[in-house]
């Protein structure tokens, strides 16, 4: 942002910050969607209980795996990265 501010002023600095936020949201969404498919594949291969392989009949989405991952993300969210 500092270099953007020097080159293009405050408008470019804000545009760079907004692009960074959009990129972070996209990365999080991609990770969440890909991690929800891992339990599905592991259940199909026999490494997790078969319940994780249940899919929505209309969309094919692995709803049990998605729900389990969402719950685990929610539980881990307040943990943070700092050691106290």
PDB file of N, CA and C in Angstrom:
ATOM      1  N   UNK A   1       0.808  -1.175   0.000  1.00  0.00           N
ATOM      2  CA  UNK A   1       0.000   0.000   0.000  1.00  0.00           C
ATOM      3  C   UNK A   1       0.864   1.256   0.000  1.00  0.00           C
ATOM      4  N   UNK A   2       1.973   1.190   0.693  1.00  0.00           N
ATOM      5  CA  UNK A   2       2.822   2.386   0.765  1.00  0.00           C
ATOM      6  C   UNK A   2       3.359   2.776  -0.607  1.00  0.00           C
ATOM      7  N   UNK A   3       3.796   1.782  -1.364  1.00  0.00           N
ATOM      8  CA  UNK A   3       4.298   2.075  -2.710  1.00  0.00           C
ATOM      9  C   UNK A   3       3.156   2.555  -3.596  1.00  0.00           C
ATOM     10  N   UNK A   4       1.988   1.931  -3.467  1.00  0.00           N
ATOM     11  CA  UNK A   4       0.819   2.375  -4.217  1.00  0.00           C
ATOM     12  C   UNK A   4       0.445   3.803  -3.881  1.00  0.00           C
ATOM     13  N   UNK A   5       0.568   4.166  -2.607  1.00  0.00           N
ATOM     14  CA  UNK A   5       0.282   5.531  -2.182  1.00  0.00           C
ATOM     15  C   UNK A   5       1.283   6.504  -2.799  1.00  0.00           C
ATOM     16  N   UNK A   6       2.546   6.092  -2.881  1.00  0.00           N
ATOM     17  CA  UNK A   6       3.565   6.963  -3.482  1.00  0.00           C
ATOM     18  C   UNK A   6       3.340   7.135  -4.981  1.00  0.00           C
ATOM     19  N   UNK A   7       2.959   6.054  -5.652  1.00  0.00           N
ATOM     20  CA  UNK A   7       2.796   6.097  -7.110  1.00  0.00           C
ATOM     21  C   UNK A   7       1.472   6.741  -7.514  1.00  0.00           C
ATOM     22  N   UNK A   8       0.370   6.303  -6.898  1.00  0.00           N
ATOM     23  CA  UNK A   8      -0.940   6.744  -7.370  1.00  0.00           C
ATOM     24  C   UNK A   8      -1.791   7.469  -6.354  1.00  0.00           C
ATOM     25  N   UNK A   9      -1.240   7.738  -5.193  1.00  0.00           N
ATOM     26  CA  UNK A   9      -1.995   8.470  -4.191  1.00  0.00           C
ATOM     27  C   UNK A   9      -2.881   7.557  -3.359  1.00  0.00           C
ATOM     28  N   UNK A  10      -3.762   8.203  -2.604  1.00  0.00           N
ATOM     29  CA  UNK A  10      -4.633   7.493  -1.670  1.00  0.00           C
ATOM     30  C   UNK A  10      -5.597   6.545  -2.380  1.00  0.00           C
ATOM     31  N   UNK A  11      -6.038   6.908  -3.571  1.00  0.00           N
ATOM     32  CA  UNK A  11      -6.982   6.066  -4.313  1.00  0.00           C
ATOM     33  C   UNK A  11      -6.359   4.719  -4.661  1.00  0.00           C
ATOM     34  N   UNK A  12      -5.134   4.719  -5.135  1.00  0.00           N
ATOM     35  CA  UNK A  12      -4.459   3.461  -5.470  1.00  0.00           C
ATOM     36  C   UNK A  12      -4.191   2.642  -4.212  1.00  0.00           C
ATOM     37  N   UNK A  13      -3.845   3.286  -3.110  1.00  0.00           N
ATOM     38  CA  UNK A  13      -3.600   2.570  -1.864  1.00  0.00           C
ATOM     39  C   UNK A  13      -4.879   1.873  -1.390  1.00  0.00           C
ATOM     40  N   UNK A  14      -6.010   2.544  -1.487  1.00  0.00           N
ATOM     41  CA  UNK A  14      -7.282   1.944  -1.090  1.00  0.00           C
ATOM     42  C   UNK A  14      -7.639   0.794  -2.031  1.00  0.00           C
ATOM     43  N   UNK A  15      -7.412   0.972  -3.324  1.00  0.00           N
ATOM     44  CA  UNK A  15      -7.696  -0.091  -4.290  1.00  0.00           C
ATOM     45  C   UNK A  15      -6.856  -1.332  -4.003  1.00  0.00           C
ATOM     46  N   UNK A  16      -5.607  -1.152  -3.630  1.00  0.00           N
ATOM     47  CA  UNK A  16      -4.732  -2.279  -3.296  1.00  0.00           C
ATOM     48  C   UNK A  16      -5.240  -2.987  -2.046  1.00  0.00           C
ATOM     49  N   UNK A  17      -5.673  -2.214  -1.045  1.00  0.00           N
ATOM     50  CA  UNK A  17      -6.207  -2.819   0.182  1.00  0.00           C
ATOM     51  C   UNK A  17      -7.474  -3.610  -0.103  1.00  0.00           C
ATOM     52  N   UNK A  18      -8.365  -3.077  -0.913  1.00  0.00           N
ATOM     53  CA  UNK A  18      -9.604  -3.781  -1.266  1.00  0.00           C
ATOM     54  C   UNK A  18      -9.295  -5.060  -2.038  1.00  0.00           C
ATOM     55  N   UNK A  19      -8.338  -4.995  -2.957  1.00  0.00           N
ATOM     56  CA  UNK A  19      -7.946  -6.189  -3.705  1.00  0.00           C
ATOM     57  C   UNK A  19      -7.374  -7.251  -2.771  1.00  0.00           C
ATOM     58  N   UNK A  20      -6.630  -6.832  -1.763  1.00  0.00           N
ATOM     59  CA  UNK A  20      -6.100  -7.774  -0.783  1.00  0.00           C
ATOM     60  C   UNK A  20      -7.192  -8.468   0.007  1.00  0.00           C
ATOM     61  N   UNK A  21      -8.207  -7.711   0.391  1.00  0.00           N
ATOM     62  CA  UNK A  21      -9.336  -8.293   1.133  1.00  0.00           C
ATOM     63  C   UNK A  21     -10.089  -9.287   0.257  1.00  0.00           C
ATOM     64  N   UNK A  22     -10.337  -8.914  -0.984  1.00  0.00           N
ATOM     65  CA  UNK A  22     -11.031  -9.818  -1.909  1.00  0.00           C
ATOM     66  C   UNK A  22     -10.217 -11.098  -2.116  1.00  0.00           C
ATOM     67  N   UNK A  23      -8.912 -10.968  -2.248  1.00  0.00           N
ATOM     68  CA  UNK A  23      -8.054 -12.139  -2.408  1.00  0.00           C
ATOM     69  C   UNK A  23      -8.072 -13.036  -1.181  1.00  0.00           C
ATOM     70  N   UNK A  24      -8.081 -12.440   0.008  1.00  0.00           N
ATOM     71  CA  UNK A  24      -8.120 -13.232   1.244  1.00  0.00           C
ATOM     72  C   UNK A  24      -9.445 -13.970   1.373  1.00  0.00           C
ATOM     73  N   UNK A  25     -10.542 -13.318   1.033  1.00  0.00           N
ATOM     74  CA  UNK A  25     -11.851 -13.976   1.083  1.00  0.00           C
ATOM     75  C   UNK A  25     -11.906 -15.127   0.084  1.00  0.00           C
ATOM     76  N   UNK A  26     -11.370 -14.908  -1.113  1.00  0.00           N
ATOM     77  CA  UNK A  26     -11.332 -15.972  -2.119  1.00  0.00           C
ATOM     78  C   UNK A  26     -10.496 -17.154  -1.681  1.00  0.00           C
ATOM     79  N   UNK A  27      -9.347 -16.881  -1.066  1.00  0.00           N
ATOM     80  CA  UNK A  27      -8.493 -17.970  -0.583  1.00  0.00           C
ATOM     81  C   UNK A  27      -9.183 -18.766   0.519  1.00  0.00           C
ATOM     82  N   UNK A  28      -9.843 -18.069   1.434  1.00  0.00           N
ATOM     83  CA  UNK A  28     -10.555 -18.750   2.514  1.00  0.00           C
ATOM     84  C   UNK A  28     -11.669 -19.621   1.956  1.00  0.00           C
ATOM     85  N   UNK A  29     -12.422 -19.097   1.008  1.00  0.00           N
ATOM     86  CA  UNK A  29     -13.518 -19.865   0.415  1.00  0.00           C
ATOM     87  C   UNK A  29     -13.000 -21.103  -0.296  1.00  0.00           C
ATOM     88  N   UNK A  30     -11.912 -20.959  -1.019  1.00  0.00           N
ATOM     89  CA  UNK A  30     -11.315 -22.094  -1.725  1.00  0.00           C
ATOM     90  C   UNK A  30     -10.854 -23.163  -0.741  1.00  0.00           C
ATOM     91  N   UNK A  31     -10.193 -22.746   0.332  1.00  0.00           N
ATOM     92  CA  UNK A  31      -9.740 -23.711   1.333  1.00  0.00           C
ATOM     93  C   UNK A  31     -10.921 -24.409   1.991  1.00  0.00           C
ATOM     94  N   UNK A  32     -11.946 -23.656   2.333  1.00  0.00           N
ATOM     95  CA  UNK A  32     -13.112 -24.258   2.976  1.00  0.00           C
ATOM     96  C   UNK A  32     -13.779 -25.281   2.067  1.00  0.00           C
ATOM     97  N   UNK A  33     -13.932 -24.936   0.788  1.00  0.00           N
ATOM     98  CA  UNK A  33     -14.575 -25.869  -0.145  1.00  0.00           C
ATOM     99  C   UNK A  33     -13.712 -27.102  -0.401  1.00  0.00           C
ATOM    100  N   UNK A  34     -12.404 -26.920  -0.510  1.00  0.00           N
ATOM    101  CA  UNK A  34     -11.552 -28.082  -0.773  1.00  0.00           C
ATOM    102  C   UNK A  34     -11.425 -28.960   0.466  1.00  0.00           C
ATOM    103  N   UNK A  35     -11.343 -28.369   1.649  1.00  0.00           N
ATOM    104  CA  UNK A  35     -11.228 -29.172   2.868  1.00  0.00           C
ATOM    105  C   UNK A  35     -12.498 -29.958   3.150  1.00  0.00           C
ATOM    106  N   UNK A  36     -13.638 -29.480   2.691  1.00  0.00           N
ATOM    107  CA  UNK A  36     -14.879 -30.228   2.925  1.00  0.00           C
ATOM    108  C   UNK A  36     -14.958 -31.464   2.046  1.00  0.00           C
ATOM    109  N   UNK A  37     -14.169 -31.519   0.984  1.00  0.00           N
ATOM    110  CA  UNK A  37     -14.179 -32.696   0.101  1.00  0.00           C
ATOM    111  C   UNK A  37     -13.247 -33.796   0.612  1.00  0.00           C
ATOM    112  N   UNK A  38     -12.278 -33.453   1.433  1.00  0.00           N
ATOM    113  CA  UNK A  38     -11.353 -34.457   1.963  1.00  0.00           C
ATOM    114  C   UNK A  38     -12.054 -35.521   2.806  1.00  0.00           C
ATOM    115  N   UNK A  39     -12.940 -35.138   3.745  1.00  0.00           N
ATOM    116  CA  UNK A  39     -13.638 -36.200   4.493  1.00  0.00           C
ATOM    117  C   UNK A  39     -14.488 -37.102   3.596  1.00  0.00           C
ATOM    118  N   UNK A  40     -15.058 -36.528   2.546  1.00  0.00           N
ATOM    119  CA  UNK A  40     -15.838 -37.336   1.596  1.00  0.00           C
ATOM    120  C   UNK A  40     -14.961 -38.416   0.976  1.00  0.00           C
ATOM    121  N   UNK A  41     -13.824 -38.041   0.463  1.00  0.00           N
ATOM    122  CA  UNK A  41     -12.922 -38.997  -0.188  1.00  0.00           C
ATOM    123  C   UNK A  41     -12.379 -39.999   0.821  1.00  0.00           C
ATOM    124  N   UNK A  42     -12.046 -39.526   2.013  1.00  0.00           N
ATOM    125  CA  UNK A  42     -11.534 -40.435   3.038  1.00  0.00           C
ATOM    126  C   UNK A  42     -12.602 -41.444   3.458  1.00  0.00           C
ATOM    127  N   UNK A  43     -13.866 -41.002   3.516  1.00  0.00           N
ATOM    128  CA  UNK A  43     -14.954 -41.935   3.847  1.00  0.00           C
ATOM    129  C   UNK A  43     -15.160 -42.947   2.731  1.00  0.00           C
ATOM    130  N   UNK A  44     -15.056 -42.497   1.491  1.00  0.00           N
ATOM    131  CA  UNK A  44     -15.194 -43.426   0.363  1.00  0.00           C
ATOM    132  C   UNK A  44     -14.075 -44.454   0.344  1.00  0.00           C
ATOM    133  N   UNK A  45     -12.880 -44.064   0.804  1.00  0.00           N
ATOM    134  CA  UNK A  45     -11.741 -44.988   0.847  1.00  0.00           C
ATOM    135  C   UNK A  45     -11.705 -45.829   2.116  1.00  0.00           C
ATOM    136  N   UNK A  46     -12.628 -45.566   3.060  1.00  0.00           N
ATOM    137  CA  UNK A  46     -12.700 -46.365   4.278  1.00  0.00           C
ATOM    138  C   UNK A  46     -11.896 -45.837   5.442  1.00  0.00           C
ATOM    139  N   UNK A  47     -11.330 -44.651   5.340  1.00  0.00           N
ATOM    140  CA  UNK A  47     -10.531 -44.090   6.425  1.00  0.00           C
ATOM    141  C   UNK A  47     -11.367 -43.321   7.439  1.00  0.00           C
ATOM    142  N   UNK A  48     -12.580 -42.940   7.079  1.00  0.00           N
ATOM    143  CA  UNK A  48     -13.524 -42.281   7.979  1.00  0.00           C
ATOM    144  C   UNK A  48     -14.850 -43.029   7.909  1.00  0.00           C
ATOM    145  N   UNK A  49     -15.720 -42.828   8.889  1.00  0.00           N
ATOM    146  CA  UNK A  49     -17.033 -43.480   8.832  1.00  0.00           C
ATOM    147  C   UNK A  49     -17.806 -43.098   7.570  1.00  0.00           C
ATOM    148  N   UNK A  50     -18.624 -44.011   7.085  1.00  0.00           N
ATOM    149  CA  UNK A  50     -19.370 -43.809   5.828  1.00  0.00           C
ATOM    150  C   UNK A  50     -20.324 -42.622   5.878  1.00  0.00           C
ATOM    151  N   UNK A  51     -20.689 -42.171   7.072  1.00  0.00           N
ATOM    152  CA  UNK A  51     -21.622 -41.050   7.182  1.00  0.00           C
ATOM    153  C   UNK A  51     -21.066 -39.800   6.495  1.00  0.00           C
ATOM    154  N   UNK A  52     -19.737 -39.652   6.454  1.00  0.00           N
ATOM    155  CA  UNK A  52     -19.128 -38.489   5.809  1.00  0.00           C
ATOM    156  C   UNK A  52     -19.266 -38.531   4.287  1.00  0.00           C
ATOM    157  N   UNK A  53     -19.642 -39.668   3.752  1.00  0.00           N
ATOM    158  CA  UNK A  53     -19.804 -39.797   2.299  1.00  0.00           C
ATOM    159  C   UNK A  53     -21.226 -39.465   1.838  1.00  0.00           C
ATOM    160  N   UNK A  54     -22.115 -39.137   2.769  1.00  0.00           N
ATOM    161  CA  UNK A  54     -23.490 -38.805   2.368  1.00  0.00           C
ATOM    162  C   UNK A  54     -23.506 -37.518   1.562  1.00  0.00           C
ATOM    163  N   UNK A  55     -24.263 -37.564   0.469  1.00  0.00           N
ATOM    164  CA  UNK A  55     -24.337 -36.411  -0.422  1.00  0.00           C
ATOM    165  C   UNK A  55     -25.779 -35.994  -0.627  1.00  0.00           C
ATOM    166  N   UNK A  56     -25.974 -34.731  -0.900  1.00  0.00           N
ATOM    167  CA  UNK A  56     -27.293 -34.203  -1.211  1.00  0.00           C
ATOM    168  C   UNK A  56     -27.738 -34.801  -2.545  1.00  0.00           C
ATOM    169  N   UNK A  57     -28.946 -35.316  -2.603  1.00  0.00           N
ATOM    170  CA  UNK A  57     -29.417 -35.990  -3.823  1.00  0.00           C
ATOM    171  C   UNK A  57     -29.588 -35.019  -4.994  1.00  0.00           C
ATOM    172  N   UNK A  58     -29.877 -33.756  -4.706  1.00  0.00           N
ATOM    173  CA  UNK A  58     -30.109 -32.789  -5.778  1.00  0.00           C
ATOM    174  C   UNK A  58     -28.804 -32.169  -6.283  1.00  0.00           C
ATOM    175  N   UNK A  59     -27.903 -31.800  -5.363  1.00  0.00           N
ATOM    176  CA  UNK A  59     -26.684 -31.084  -5.767  1.00  0.00           C
ATOM    177  C   UNK A  59     -25.431 -31.943  -5.779  1.00  0.00           C
ATOM    178  N   UNK A  60     -25.449 -33.051  -5.061  1.00  0.00           N
ATOM    179  CA  UNK A  60     -24.254 -33.889  -4.971  1.00  0.00           C
ATOM    180  C   UNK A  60     -23.243 -33.387  -3.965  1.00  0.00           C
ATOM    181  N   UNK A  61     -23.581 -32.333  -3.217  1.00  0.00           N
ATOM    182  CA  UNK A  61     -22.669 -31.783  -2.222  1.00  0.00           C
ATOM    183  C   UNK A  61     -22.576 -32.720  -1.020  1.00  0.00           C
ATOM    184  N   UNK A  62     -21.380 -32.947  -0.522  1.00  0.00           N
ATOM    185  CA  UNK A  62     -21.215 -33.813   0.651  1.00  0.00           C
ATOM    186  C   UNK A  62     -21.625 -33.063   1.923  1.00  0.00           C
ATOM    187  N   UNK A  63     -22.913 -33.034   2.225  1.00  0.00           N
ATOM    188  CA  UNK A  63     -23.444 -32.152   3.264  1.00  0.00           C
ATOM    189  C   UNK A  63     -22.956 -32.504   4.657  1.00  0.00           C
ATOM    190  N   UNK A  64     -22.729 -33.755   4.955  1.00  0.00           N
ATOM    191  CA  UNK A  64     -22.234 -34.128   6.280  1.00  0.00           C
ATOM    192  C   UNK A  64     -20.787 -33.647   6.442  1.00  0.00           C
ATOM    193  N   UNK A  65     -19.979 -33.846   5.423  1.00  0.00           N
ATOM    194  CA  UNK A  65     -18.588 -33.399   5.473  1.00  0.00           C
ATOM    195  C   UNK A  65     -18.518 -31.877   5.577  1.00  0.00           C
ATOM    196  N   UNK A  66     -19.371 -31.166   4.851  1.00  0.00           N
ATOM    197  CA  UNK A  66     -19.390 -29.704   4.909  1.00  0.00           C
ATOM    198  C   UNK A  66     -19.809 -29.241   6.302  1.00  0.00           C
ATOM    199  N   UNK A  67     -20.837 -29.858   6.862  1.00  0.00           N
ATOM    200  CA  UNK A  67     -21.296 -29.475   8.199  1.00  0.00           C
ATOM    201  C   UNK A  67     -20.223 -29.749   9.247  1.00  0.00           C
ATOM    202  N   UNK A  68     -19.562 -30.903   9.152  1.00  0.00           N
ATOM    203  CA  UNK A  68     -18.505 -31.237  10.113  1.00  0.00           C
ATOM    204  C   UNK A  68     -17.345 -30.248  10.017  1.00  0.00           C
ATOM    205  N   UNK A  69     -16.940 -29.906   8.793  1.00  0.00           N
ATOM    206  CA  UNK A  69     -15.846 -28.947   8.614  1.00  0.00           C
ATOM    207  C   UNK A  69     -16.243 -27.563   9.122  1.00  0.00           C
ATOM    208  N   UNK A  70     -17.484 -27.150   8.870  1.00  0.00           N
ATOM    209  CA  UNK A  70     -17.937 -25.843   9.345  1.00  0.00           C
ATOM    210  C   UNK A  70     -17.933 -25.785  10.869  1.00  0.00           C
ATOM    211  N   UNK A  71     -18.373 -26.863  11.507  1.00  0.00           N
ATOM    212  CA  UNK A  71     -18.354 -26.900  12.974  1.00  0.00           C
ATOM    213  C   UNK A  71     -16.926 -26.829  13.498  1.00  0.00           C
ATOM    214  N   UNK A  72     -16.026 -27.590  12.888  1.00  0.00           N
ATOM    215  CA  UNK A  72     -14.628 -27.567  13.335  1.00  0.00           C
ATOM    216  C   UNK A  72     -13.972 -26.212  13.085  1.00  0.00           C
ATOM    217  N   UNK A  73     -14.265 -25.574  11.937  1.00  0.00           N
ATOM    218  CA  UNK A  73     -13.750 -24.224  11.689  1.00  0.00           C
ATOM    219  C   UNK A  73     -14.248 -23.282  12.778  1.00  0.00           C
ATOM    220  N   UNK A  74     -15.529 -23.379  13.132  1.00  0.00           N
ATOM    221  CA  UNK A  74     -16.099 -22.508  14.158  1.00  0.00           C
ATOM    222  C   UNK A  74     -15.476 -22.729  15.524  1.00  0.00           C
ATOM    223  N   UNK A  75     -15.187 -23.988  15.852  1.00  0.00           N
ATOM    224  CA  UNK A  75     -14.559 -24.293  17.135  1.00  0.00           C
ATOM    225  C   UNK A  75     -13.131 -23.763  17.183  1.00  0.00           C
ATOM    226  N   UNK A  76     -12.408 -23.873  16.080  1.00  0.00           N
ATOM    227  CA  UNK A  76     -11.006 -23.459  16.044  1.00  0.00           C
ATOM    228  C   UNK A  76     -10.822 -21.963  15.829  1.00  0.00           C
ATOM    229  N   UNK A  77     -11.850 -21.274  15.368  1.00  0.00           N
ATOM    230  CA  UNK A  77     -11.730 -19.857  15.043  1.00  0.00           C
ATOM    231  C   UNK A  77     -11.178 -18.990  16.177  1.00  0.00           C
ATOM    232  N   UNK A  78     -11.658 -19.134  17.407  1.00  0.00           N
ATOM    233  CA  UNK A  78     -11.158 -18.243  18.454  1.00  0.00           C
ATOM    234  C   UNK A  78      -9.759 -18.604  18.970  1.00  0.00           C
ATOM    235  N   UNK A  79      -9.163 -19.685  18.497  1.00  0.00           N
ATOM    236  CA  UNK A  79      -7.862 -20.097  19.011  1.00  0.00           C
ATOM    237  C   UNK A  79      -6.747 -19.106  18.653  1.00  0.00           C
ATOM    238  N   UNK A  80      -6.726 -18.593  17.455  1.00  0.00           N
ATOM    239  CA  UNK A  80      -5.690 -17.642  17.056  1.00  0.00           C
ATOM    240  C   UNK A  80      -4.360 -18.315  16.807  1.00  0.00           C
ATOM    241  N   UNK A  81      -3.370 -17.497  16.483  1.00  0.00           N
ATOM    242  CA  UNK A  81      -2.034 -18.008  16.167  1.00  0.00           C
ATOM    243  C   UNK A  81      -0.980 -17.590  17.189  1.00  0.00           C
ATOM    244  N   UNK A  82      -1.363 -16.772  18.140  1.00  0.00           N
ATOM    245  CA  UNK A  82      -0.396 -16.286  19.108  1.00  0.00           C
ATOM    246  C   UNK A  82      -0.304 -17.229  20.297  1.00  0.00           C
ATOM    247  N   UNK A  83       0.897 -17.375  20.796  1.00  0.00           N
ATOM    248  CA  UNK A  83       1.122 -18.222  21.951  1.00  0.00           C
ATOM    249  C   UNK A  83       1.035 -17.341  23.199  1.00  0.00           C
ATOM    250  N   UNK A  84       0.150 -17.699  24.120  1.00  0.00           N
ATOM    251  CA  UNK A  84      -0.001 -16.874  25.317  1.00  0.00           C
ATOM    252  C   UNK A  84       0.574 -17.529  26.530  1.00  0.00           C
TER     253      UNK A  84
END
